[in-house]
């Protein structure tokens, strides 16, 4: 593993595309996580409004 890292550091022409792919992958993962967090937050707010409006039940 250290041999691969040393080889990449010695050849930055290969390091740049790999870092770009990693950055794109991280951005895609973060975008999905943020989207899921927004959906959960909206669903929670709607649930709380619904419970407050109709009451907790009998």
Protein backbone atom coordinates (compact mmCIF):
# COMPACT_ATOMS: atom_id res chain seq x y z
CA UNK A 1 0.00 0.00 0.00
CA UNK A 2 2.79 2.42 0.84
CA UNK A 3 4.42 1.58 -2.48
CA UNK A 4 1.32 2.76 -4.34
CA UNK A 5 1.19 5.98 -2.32
CA UNK A 6 4.87 6.67 -2.93
CA UNK A 7 4.45 5.97 -6.64
CA UNK A 8 1.47 8.35 -6.85
CA UNK A 9 3.36 11.06 -4.99
CA UNK A 10 6.30 10.60 -7.35
CA UNK A 11 3.97 10.86 -10.40
CA UNK A 12 1.55 13.72 -9.77
CA UNK A 13 0.12 13.40 -13.28
CA UNK A 14 -1.74 10.29 -12.04
CA UNK A 15 -2.53 11.78 -8.65
CA UNK A 16 -4.62 14.69 -9.96
CA UNK A 17 -7.33 12.60 -11.72
CA UNK A 18 -7.57 10.27 -8.74
CA UNK A 19 -8.04 13.21 -6.37
CA UNK A 20 -10.69 14.67 -8.68
CA UNK A 21 -12.60 11.38 -8.69
CA UNK A 22 -12.41 11.19 -4.90
CA UNK A 23 -13.67 14.78 -4.60
CA UNK A 24 -16.58 14.07 -6.96
CA UNK A 25 -17.45 10.92 -5.01
CA UNK A 26 -17.38 12.75 -1.67
CA UNK A 27 -19.51 15.57 -3.08
CA UNK A 28 -22.10 13.08 -4.35
CA UNK A 29 -22.25 11.30 -0.99
CA UNK A 30 -22.56 14.57 0.93
CA UNK A 31 -25.26 15.79 -1.44
CA UNK A 32 -27.34 12.66 -0.82
CA UNK A 33 -26.86 12.89 2.94
CA UNK A 34 -27.92 16.54 2.97
CA UNK A 35 -30.95 15.71 0.82
CA UNK A 36 -31.96 12.92 3.21
CA UNK A 37 -31.51 15.22 6.21
CA UNK A 38 -33.76 17.84 4.61
CA UNK A 39 -36.45 15.26 3.86
CA UNK A 40 -36.32 13.91 7.43
CA UNK A 41 -36.51 17.44 8.84
CA UNK A 42 -39.53 18.32 6.67
CA UNK A 43 -41.27 15.06 7.60
CA UNK A 44 -40.60 15.68 11.30
CA UNK A 45 -41.96 19.23 11.12
CA UNK A 46 -45.06 18.04 9.28
CA UNK A 47 -45.58 15.28 11.85
CA UNK A 48 -45.27 17.72 14.74
CA UNK A 49 -47.71 20.13 13.09
CA UNK A 50 -50.15 17.28 12.47
CA UNK A 51 -49.94 16.05 16.07
CA UNK A 52 -50.33 19.60 17.39
CA UNK A 53 -53.29 20.32 15.13
CA UNK A 54 -55.27 17.13 15.75
CA UNK A 55 -54.10 16.50 19.28
CA UNK A 56 -52.40 13.49 20.77
CA UNK A 57 -55.49 11.26 20.51
CA UNK A 58 -58.13 9.96 22.94
